[in-house]
């Protein structure tokens, strides 16, 4: 048994001792007589007189003492705990854009997760998950926040406080600098014990941070895009070389989704305005990436939407417009089938910008966290005590019963006090 507020037991003990003292030192009134002077005549032979301390009104004392004990115990809030494990674990998993390989992440989670562990996934926000969902964890396009991760871990730990004596925190993350802010040390301090870090590979600054759905095809551009890893289920970016269908447009209206229409230069079905002739202007720039290569320009995209890429002569090479909560991006860049441009690193950086979230790619800091920051997150010393995460305002199921017993004892005390007796306190 444990107590939520054991201090009330001390005050209750002091009150019981005070009641006992009052009963021990209570004075007994002499019996009343008809004649005033008769009180000086003893009822029996007087042999000796002495002072003594003896309890008076034992039943009244017991009623009062037990009432105080019941009230103090009720406010101390007893908790009867079931058998608990020695160590519980909260596994925090990074599913943000910082993760390079989802398969590696899942393998790392499986290596540390065991039956009964709590699982928390995070990107810009933290969410509790079932351990059975470990194999279906996906990487999002959002920036990671270790502040949110620590806050979520502490919240979940509060629900596990009665299942273990100590709690171990396990963090599975690439641990990049962009995931740590000014509030992270404060959130980490709330977990009053050491943590274990399982580090996974971080993506580089030129690696796509999105989940990609690319239509089937064997041209050089599609082959280059598929090297990034493609999954249709849950994708946030969809690339279509053919004219998008109505279903594609409906899909793009979901929050944060990007539909990229990237047609071939010889596509006659596209409703864009064709240029008089296809040229190879020589270069294109988007999101800080510049590619100088014989890229094909067949379309005139001037005035078609927000410009996200330009040819070296200033004409729009890619534009986007809003579609519900997402956007549709039109890319007027094509490559010759015999060109090796799609295999170049600079072309990879260009496609990263062209497949970026709506509004353009947000700055991604691929720097790893410093050793000092890593050490502060891992911490030292013992594991966190489970009692440190007891939810504030938690109530004992016995409180109501103890208060009811106290009321009954106080009613009994009042009845005993009302009875006529030769002694009073």
Protein backbone atom coordinates (compact mmCIF):
# COMPACT_ATOMS: atom_id res chain seq x y z
CA UNK A 1 0.00 0.00 0.00
CA UNK A 2 1.19 3.51 -0.79
CA UNK A 3 -0.14 6.97 0.01
CA UNK A 4 -0.76 9.92 -2.31
CA UNK A 5 -0.48 12.49 0.52
CA UNK A 6 1.15 10.76 3.52
CA UNK A 7 1.58 14.07 5.38
CA UNK A 8 -2.02 13.89 6.55
CA UNK A 9 -1.14 10.77 8.56
CA UNK A 10 1.27 12.82 10.65
CA UNK A 11 -1.32 15.50 11.39
CA UNK A 12 -3.86 12.80 12.21
CA UNK A 13 -1.45 11.21 14.71
CA UNK A 14 -0.89 14.57 16.39
CA UNK A 15 -4.67 15.11 16.67
CA UNK A 16 -5.21 11.66 18.23
CA UNK A 17 -2.48 12.33 20.80
CA UNK A 18 -4.08 15.67 21.67
CA UNK A 19 -7.48 14.00 22.20
CA UNK A 20 -5.87 11.32 24.38
CA UNK A 21 -4.17 13.98 26.50
CA UNK A 22 -7.42 15.85 27.01
CA UNK A 23 -9.15 12.67 28.18
CA UNK A 24 -6.32 11.71 30.54
CA UNK A 25 -6.30 15.11 32.22
CA UNK A 26 -10.08 15.55 32.36
CA UNK A 27 -11.51 16.60 35.75
CA UNK A 28 -14.38 14.69 37.36
CA UNK A 29 -17.15 16.73 38.92
CA UNK A 30 -18.26 15.67 42.44
CA UNK A 31 -21.78 14.29 42.75
CA UNK A 32 -24.42 16.92 43.48
CA UNK A 33 -25.95 17.12 47.01
CA UNK A 34 -29.18 18.65 48.26
CA UNK A 35 -27.48 20.71 50.98
CA UNK A 36 -24.64 22.98 49.87
CA UNK A 37 -22.47 22.09 52.83
CA UNK A 38 -22.96 18.36 52.38
CA UNK A 39 -20.43 18.34 49.64
CA UNK A 40 -17.68 18.55 52.22
CA UNK A 41 -18.80 15.31 53.83
CA UNK A 42 -17.26 12.31 52.07
CA UNK A 43 -19.44 9.34 51.06
CA UNK A 44 -17.01 6.90 52.67
CA UNK A 45 -14.28 6.87 55.18
CA UNK A 46 -11.37 9.01 54.04
CA UNK A 47 -8.08 7.28 54.63
CA UNK A 48 -5.69 9.06 52.22
CA UNK A 49 -5.82 11.57 49.36
CA UNK A 50 -3.67 11.51 46.19
CA UNK A 51 -3.61 12.83 42.68
CA UNK A 52 -3.86 10.42 39.75
CA UNK A 53 -4.21 10.42 35.97
CA UNK A 54 -6.83 8.06 34.57
CA UNK A 55 -8.71 8.01 31.27
CA UNK A 56 -12.27 9.19 31.33
CA UNK A 57 -15.13 8.32 28.96
CA UNK A 58 -13.30 5.59 27.07
CA UNK A 59 -16.08 5.07 24.51
CA UNK A 60 -16.22 8.78 23.75
CA UNK A 61 -12.43 8.86 23.34
CA UNK A 62 -12.48 5.90 20.97
CA UNK A 63 -15.21 7.47 18.85
CA UNK A 64 -13.31 10.74 18.57
CA UNK A 65 -9.95 9.10 17.92
CA UNK A 66 -11.28 6.74 15.27
CA UNK A 67 -13.10 9.60 13.52
CA UNK A 68 -9.84 11.58 13.32
CA UNK A 69 -7.97 8.51 12.08
CA UNK A 70 -10.59 7.93 9.36
CA UNK A 71 -10.45 11.58 8.20
CA UNK A 72 -6.62 11.64 8.15
CA UNK A 73 -6.47 8.35 6.25
CA UNK A 74 -9.06 9.57 3.73
CA UNK A 75 -7.04 12.71 2.95
CA UNK A 76 -3.79 10.70 2.81
CA UNK A 77 -5.46 8.69 -0.01
CA UNK A 78 -4.29 5.09 0.32
CA UNK A 79 -3.58 3.13 -2.86
CA UNK A 80 -3.46 -0.64 -2.86
CA UNK A 81 -1.16 -1.61 -5.72
CA UNK A 82 -1.23 -4.84 -7.58
CA UNK A 83 1.94 -6.77 -8.25
CA UNK A 84 4.22 -4.68 -10.45
CA UNK A 85 7.14 -5.36 -12.76
CA UNK A 86 10.51 -4.16 -11.65
CA UNK A 87 11.19 -2.08 -14.79
CA UNK A 88 8.74 -0.75 -17.38
CA UNK A 89 9.72 0.88 -20.65
CA UNK A 90 8.51 3.72 -22.82
CA UNK A 91 9.88 3.48 -26.36
CA UNK A 92 9.83 6.79 -28.27
CA UNK A 93 10.17 6.46 -32.06
CA UNK A 94 11.09 9.24 -34.47
CA UNK A 95 8.95 9.13 -37.63
CA UNK A 96 9.86 12.60 -38.91
CA UNK A 97 11.56 13.65 -42.13
CA UNK A 98 14.94 13.15 -40.43
CA UNK A 99 14.71 9.36 -40.86
CA UNK A 100 16.52 8.03 -43.94
CA UNK A 101 15.26 4.46 -44.09
CA UNK A 102 11.89 3.28 -42.81
CA UNK A 103 12.92 -0.38 -42.89
CA UNK A 104 15.93 0.32 -40.66
CA UNK A 105 13.70 2.28 -38.27
CA UNK A 106 11.23 -0.59 -37.95
CA UNK A 107 14.04 -3.10 -37.40
CA UNK A 108 15.46 -0.92 -34.62
CA UNK A 109 12.06 -0.64 -32.96
CA UNK A 110 11.52 -4.40 -33.11
CA UNK A 111 14.93 -4.98 -31.52
CA UNK A 112 14.06 -2.98 -28.39
CA UNK A 113 10.29 -3.33 -28.07
CA UNK A 114 8.97 -6.09 -25.86
CA UNK A 115 5.59 -7.17 -24.58
CA UNK A 116 4.09 -4.67 -22.15
CA UNK A 117 6.17 -1.69 -23.32
CA UNK A 118 4.51 1.62 -24.12
CA UNK A 119 5.09 2.99 -27.64
CA UNK A 120 5.13 6.68 -28.60
CA UNK A 121 5.73 7.94 -32.15
CA UNK A 122 6.56 11.54 -32.95
CA UNK A 123 7.28 14.03 -35.69
CA UNK A 124 6.10 17.59 -34.95
CA UNK A 125 3.69 16.07 -32.39
CA UNK A 126 3.74 12.91 -30.28
CA UNK A 127 1.12 10.17 -30.33
CA UNK A 128 0.68 7.06 -28.21
CA UNK A 129 0.55 3.88 -30.29
CA UNK A 130 -0.06 0.21 -29.67
CA UNK A 131 2.97 -2.07 -29.63
CA UNK A 132 1.29 -4.11 -32.36
CA UNK A 133 1.59 -1.09 -34.69
CA UNK A 134 5.39 -1.15 -34.63
CA UNK A 135 5.60 -2.88 -38.00
CA UNK A 136 3.38 -0.28 -39.67
CA UNK A 137 5.19 2.88 -38.52
CA UNK A 138 5.59 5.27 -41.44
CA UNK A 139 7.81 8.30 -41.97
CA UNK A 140 6.08 11.67 -42.35
CA UNK A 141 7.18 14.87 -44.10
CA UNK A 142 7.05 16.93 -40.89
CA UNK A 143 9.98 18.26 -38.93
CA UNK A 144 10.72 16.29 -35.77
CA UNK A 145 10.42 17.76 -32.27
CA UNK A 146 12.15 16.09 -29.34
CA UNK A 147 10.29 18.51 -27.08
CA UNK A 148 7.01 16.97 -28.24
CA UNK A 149 8.57 13.50 -27.89
CA UNK A 150 9.61 14.04 -24.27
CA UNK A 151 6.26 15.57 -23.37
CA UNK A 152 4.44 12.62 -24.92
CA UNK A 153 6.71 10.13 -23.13
CA UNK A 154 6.02 11.74 -19.74
CA UNK A 155 2.28 11.73 -20.43
CA UNK A 156 2.29 8.03 -21.31
CA UNK A 157 4.50 7.24 -18.30
CA UNK A 158 1.76 8.66 -16.06
CA UNK A 159 -0.58 5.92 -17.28
CA UNK A 160 2.05 3.24 -16.54
CA UNK A 161 3.11 4.45 -13.09
CA UNK A 162 1.22 1.70 -11.24
CA UNK A 163 2.65 -1.13 -13.37
CA UNK A 164 6.36 -0.89 -12.54
CA UNK A 165 8.77 0.33 -9.89
CA UNK A 166 11.05 2.10 -12.41
CA UNK A 167 10.62 3.31 -15.98
CA UNK A 168 13.23 3.23 -18.72
CA UNK A 169 13.07 5.70 -21.61
CA UNK A 170 14.30 4.42 -25.00
CA UNK A 171 14.64 6.95 -27.86
CA UNK A 172 14.89 5.63 -31.43
CA UNK A 173 15.92 8.58 -33.60
CA UNK A 174 18.61 9.98 -35.93
CA UNK A 175 18.79 12.85 -33.41
CA UNK A 176 19.41 15.80 -35.73
CA UNK A 177 20.04 19.37 -34.63
CA UNK A 178 16.79 20.59 -36.18
CA UNK A 179 14.79 18.39 -33.81
CA UNK A 180 16.05 20.16 -30.69
CA UNK A 181 14.85 23.59 -29.55
CA UNK A 182 15.04 25.78 -26.44
CA UNK A 183 12.23 23.90 -24.70
CA UNK A 184 13.80 20.45 -25.15
CA UNK A 185 15.99 20.59 -21.97
CA UNK A 186 12.93 21.57 -19.91
CA UNK A 187 10.88 18.70 -21.33
CA UNK A 188 13.81 16.32 -20.78
CA UNK A 189 14.12 17.44 -17.15
CA UNK A 190 10.54 16.26 -16.54
CA UNK A 191 11.84 12.70 -17.04
CA UNK A 192 13.89 12.31 -13.87
CA UNK A 193 16.09 9.41 -14.92
CA UNK A 194 18.53 8.27 -17.55
CA UNK A 195 17.48 7.33 -21.09
CA UNK A 196 18.83 4.96 -23.73
CA UNK A 197 19.43 6.17 -27.27
CA UNK A 198 19.09 3.89 -30.31
CA UNK A 199 20.39 5.92 -33.22
CA UNK A 200 19.23 5.26 -36.77
CA UNK A 201 20.61 6.64 -40.00
CA UNK A 202 19.61 10.21 -40.85
CA UNK A 203 18.77 11.34 -44.34
CA UNK A 204 21.16 13.68 -46.11
CA UNK A 205 20.24 17.17 -47.18
CA UNK A 206 19.62 15.95 -50.75
CA UNK A 207 17.43 12.98 -49.81
CA UNK A 208 13.70 13.19 -50.33
CA UNK A 209 11.69 13.69 -47.13
CA UNK A 210 8.43 12.57 -48.68
CA UNK A 211 6.67 9.32 -49.43
CA UNK A 212 6.42 8.96 -53.21
CA UNK A 213 3.93 7.34 -55.57
CA UNK A 214 5.25 7.12 -59.15
CA UNK A 215 3.30 5.64 -62.04
CA UNK A 216 4.79 2.64 -63.87
CA UNK A 217 7.12 3.41 -66.74
CA UNK A 218 10.59 2.75 -68.08
CA UNK A 219 11.86 6.20 -69.06
CA UNK A 220 14.98 7.68 -67.46
CA UNK A 221 13.11 10.23 -65.34
CA UNK A 222 10.76 7.70 -63.73
CA UNK A 223 13.68 5.35 -63.12
CA UNK A 224 15.54 8.15 -61.34
CA UNK A 225 12.53 8.93 -59.15
CA UNK A 226 11.98 5.30 -58.21
CA UNK A 227 15.51 5.11 -56.82
CA UNK A 228 14.23 7.19 -53.91
CA UNK A 229 11.83 4.47 -52.81
CA UNK A 230 8.19 4.32 -53.84
CA UNK A 231 5.10 3.30 -51.94
CA UNK A 232 1.58 4.01 -53.13
CA UNK A 233 -0.16 3.47 -49.79
CA UNK A 234 -0.02 6.60 -47.65
CA UNK A 235 2.12 8.56 -50.14
CA UNK A 236 2.21 12.36 -49.83
CA UNK A 237 3.52 13.06 -53.36
CA UNK A 238 2.11 11.51 -56.54
CA UNK A 239 3.91 11.84 -59.87
CA UNK A 240 2.03 11.44 -63.14
CA UNK A 241 3.65 11.61 -66.57
CA UNK A 242 0.28 11.09 -68.26
CA UNK A 243 -2.52 13.56 -67.80
CA UNK A 244 -3.86 13.26 -64.19
CA UNK A 245 -7.24 11.64 -63.75
CA UNK A 246 -10.17 13.02 -61.76
CA UNK A 247 -9.25 10.58 -58.97
CA UNK A 248 -5.74 12.09 -58.89
CA UNK A 249 -7.20 15.59 -58.51
CA UNK A 250 -9.49 14.45 -55.70
CA UNK A 251 -6.53 12.76 -53.98
CA UNK A 252 -4.52 16.02 -54.13
CA UNK A 253 -7.19 17.89 -52.17
CA UNK A 254 -6.25 16.10 -48.98
CA UNK A 255 -4.18 18.18 -46.57
CA UNK A 256 -0.53 18.46 -47.56
CA UNK A 257 -0.70 16.23 -50.65
CA UNK A 258 1.15 17.17 -53.82
CA UNK A 259 0.15 16.00 -57.29
CA UNK A 260 3.02 16.51 -59.74
CA UNK A 261 2.07 16.53 -63.40
CA UNK A 262 5.37 15.97 -65.21
CA UNK A 263 4.55 15.18 -68.86
CA UNK A 264 6.90 14.06 -71.60
CA UNK A 265 7.85 16.65 -74.17
CA UNK A 266 6.12 14.66 -76.94
CA UNK A 267 2.85 14.28 -75.01
CA UNK A 268 0.11 15.64 -77.31
CA UNK A 269 -2.69 14.96 -74.80
CA UNK A 270 -1.54 17.61 -72.36
CA UNK A 271 -3.71 20.72 -72.50
CA UNK A 272 -0.76 23.06 -71.99
CA UNK A 273 0.31 25.69 -74.49
CA UNK A 274 3.12 24.21 -76.56
CA UNK A 275 6.08 26.27 -77.65
CA UNK A 276 6.74 26.73 -81.33
CA UNK A 277 9.67 24.38 -81.04
CA UNK A 278 11.30 22.21 -78.41
CA UNK A 279 14.63 23.64 -77.35
CA UNK A 280 17.42 22.73 -74.96
CA UNK A 281 17.87 26.01 -73.13
CA UNK A 282 20.72 24.56 -71.12
CA UNK A 283 19.79 24.81 -67.47
CA UNK A 284 17.11 25.16 -64.79
CA UNK A 285 17.04 26.26 -61.14
CA UNK A 286 14.68 25.34 -58.30
CA UNK A 287 14.98 25.55 -54.51
CA UNK A 288 18.67 26.46 -54.64
CA UNK A 289 19.54 23.56 -56.96
CA UNK A 290 20.87 24.33 -60.42
CA UNK A 291 21.21 21.79 -63.24
CA UNK A 292 23.16 22.63 -66.38
CA UNK A 293 22.30 20.00 -68.99
CA UNK A 294 20.53 19.69 -72.35
CA UNK A 295 17.06 19.62 -70.75
CA UNK A 296 14.07 19.72 -73.07
CA UNK A 297 11.65 22.67 -72.97
CA UNK A 298 8.40 22.11 -74.85
CA UNK A 299 5.81 24.06 -72.83
CA UNK A 300 4.95 27.67 -72.09
CA UNK A 301 3.93 27.91 -68.41
CA UNK A 302 3.92 31.71 -68.07
CA UNK A 303 0.97 32.91 -65.95
CA UNK A 304 -0.16 29.37 -65.08
CA UNK A 305 0.40 29.64 -61.28
CA UNK A 306 3.05 30.16 -58.61
CA UNK A 307 6.51 29.68 -60.09
CA UNK A 308 8.57 27.04 -58.29
CA UNK A 309 11.35 26.58 -60.89
CA UNK A 310 12.79 28.72 -63.70
CA UNK A 311 14.86 28.16 -66.80
CA UNK A 312 18.14 30.03 -66.93
CA UNK A 313 16.58 32.69 -69.18
CA UNK A 314 13.90 33.45 -66.54
CA UNK A 315 10.91 31.63 -68.00
CA UNK A 316 8.86 29.43 -65.64
CA UNK A 317 9.89 25.78 -65.66
CA UNK A 318 7.45 24.60 -62.98
CA UNK A 319 4.33 26.18 -61.45
CA UNK A 320 1.83 25.12 -58.83
CA UNK A 321 -1.69 26.07 -57.81
CA UNK A 322 -3.82 25.19 -54.80
CA UNK A 323 -6.21 22.25 -54.94
CA UNK A 324 -8.34 22.08 -51.81
CA UNK A 325 -5.94 21.49 -48.92
CA UNK A 326 -3.18 20.27 -51.23
CA UNK A 327 -1.72 21.48 -54.51
CA UNK A 328 -1.05 20.47 -58.12
CA UNK A 329 2.40 21.21 -59.54
CA UNK A 330 3.03 21.31 -63.28
CA UNK A 331 6.63 20.63 -64.36
CA UNK A 332 7.65 21.52 -67.91
CA UNK A 333 11.09 19.90 -67.82
CA UNK A 334 11.97 16.80 -69.76
CA UNK A 335 15.17 14.90 -70.46
CA UNK A 336 16.40 13.16 -73.56
CA UNK A 337 16.21 9.39 -73.42
CA UNK A 338 19.95 9.14 -74.09
CA UNK A 339 20.91 11.71 -71.43
CA UNK A 340 22.56 10.77 -68.15
CA UNK A 341 21.28 13.94 -66.45
CA UNK A 342 18.78 12.09 -64.17
CA UNK A 343 21.69 10.16 -62.63
CA UNK A 344 23.64 13.25 -61.59
CA UNK A 345 23.62 14.45 -57.92
CA UNK A 346 22.56 17.95 -58.97
CA UNK A 347 19.52 16.52 -60.76
CA UNK A 348 18.64 14.65 -57.58
CA UNK A 349 18.71 17.95 -55.68
CA UNK A 350 16.55 19.51 -58.38
CA UNK A 351 13.90 16.79 -58.12
CA UNK A 352 13.94 17.16 -54.32
CA UNK A 353 12.80 20.76 -54.81
CA UNK A 354 10.29 19.84 -57.52
CA UNK A 355 8.69 17.19 -55.30
CA UNK A 356 8.71 19.38 -52.17
CA UNK A 357 5.59 20.04 -50.05
CA UNK A 358 3.12 22.69 -51.17
CA UNK A 359 4.64 26.15 -50.98
CA UNK A 360 8.21 24.95 -51.52
CA UNK A 361 10.71 22.92 -49.56
CA UNK A 362 11.22 23.98 -45.98
CA UNK A 363 14.78 24.35 -44.80
CA UNK A 364 16.17 21.02 -43.68
CA UNK A 365 19.11 20.93 -41.29
CA UNK A 366 20.91 17.63 -41.76
CA UNK A 367 23.50 18.34 -39.06
CA UNK A 368 23.58 15.78 -36.24
CA UNK A 369 23.06 16.97 -32.69
CA UNK A 370 26.24 17.83 -30.82
CA UNK A 371 27.75 15.41 -28.31
CA UNK A 372 26.78 17.79 -25.50
CA UNK A 373 23.12 17.72 -26.53
CA UNK A 374 23.18 13.96 -26.92
CA UNK A 375 24.68 13.55 -23.44
CA UNK A 376 22.04 15.82 -21.92
CA UNK A 377 19.27 13.76 -23.52
CA UNK A 378 20.71 10.44 -22.41
CA UNK A 379 21.41 11.64 -18.88
CA UNK A 380 23.02 9.60 -16.14
CA UNK A 381 22.24 7.90 -12.86
CA UNK A 382 19.31 5.65 -12.11
CA UNK A 383 16.17 4.94 -14.05
CA UNK A 384 13.20 7.17 -13.38
CA UNK A 385 11.00 6.19 -10.45
CA UNK A 386 7.48 5.29 -11.50
CA UNK A 387 6.09 7.26 -8.55
CA UNK A 388 7.45 10.47 -10.12
CA UNK A 389 4.83 10.15 -12.87
CA UNK A 390 1.81 9.66 -10.63
CA UNK A 391 -0.88 11.80 -12.20
CA UNK A 392 -1.65 14.98 -10.21
CA UNK A 393 -5.11 15.03 -8.72
CA UNK A 394 -5.29 11.25 -8.58
CA UNK A 395 -7.85 10.00 -6.03
CA UNK A 396 -7.95 6.91 -3.89
CA UNK A 397 -11.02 4.65 -4.29
CA UNK A 398 -11.06 4.35 -0.48
CA UNK A 399 -11.45 8.07 0.22
CA UNK A 400 -15.25 8.17 -0.02
CA UNK A 401 -15.66 5.11 2.22
CA UNK A 402 -13.29 6.48 4.85
CA UNK A 403 -15.10 9.82 4.94
CA UNK A 404 -18.43 8.00 5.32
CA UNK A 405 -16.96 6.04 8.25
CA UNK A 406 -15.74 9.30 9.80
CA UNK A 407 -19.23 10.81 9.57
CA UNK A 408 -20.71 7.73 11.27
CA UNK A 409 -18.15 7.94 14.09
CA UNK A 410 -18.83 11.65 14.56
CA UNK A 411 -22.54 10.89 14.82
CA UNK A 412 -21.74 8.24 17.46
CA UNK A 413 -19.52 10.76 19.29
CA UNK A 414 -22.39 13.25 19.36
CA UNK A 415 -24.78 10.61 20.76
CA UNK A 416 -22.33 9.59 23.49
CA UNK A 417 -21.71 13.19 24.42
CA UNK A 418 -25.45 13.81 24.76
CA UNK A 419 -25.93 10.96 27.31
CA UNK A 420 -26.16 12.14 30.96
CA UNK A 421 -23.11 11.01 32.91
CA UNK A 422 -21.27 11.91 36.02
CA UNK A 423 -18.16 12.95 34.15
CA UNK A 424 -17.60 15.12 31.15
CA UNK A 425 -14.62 16.13 29.15
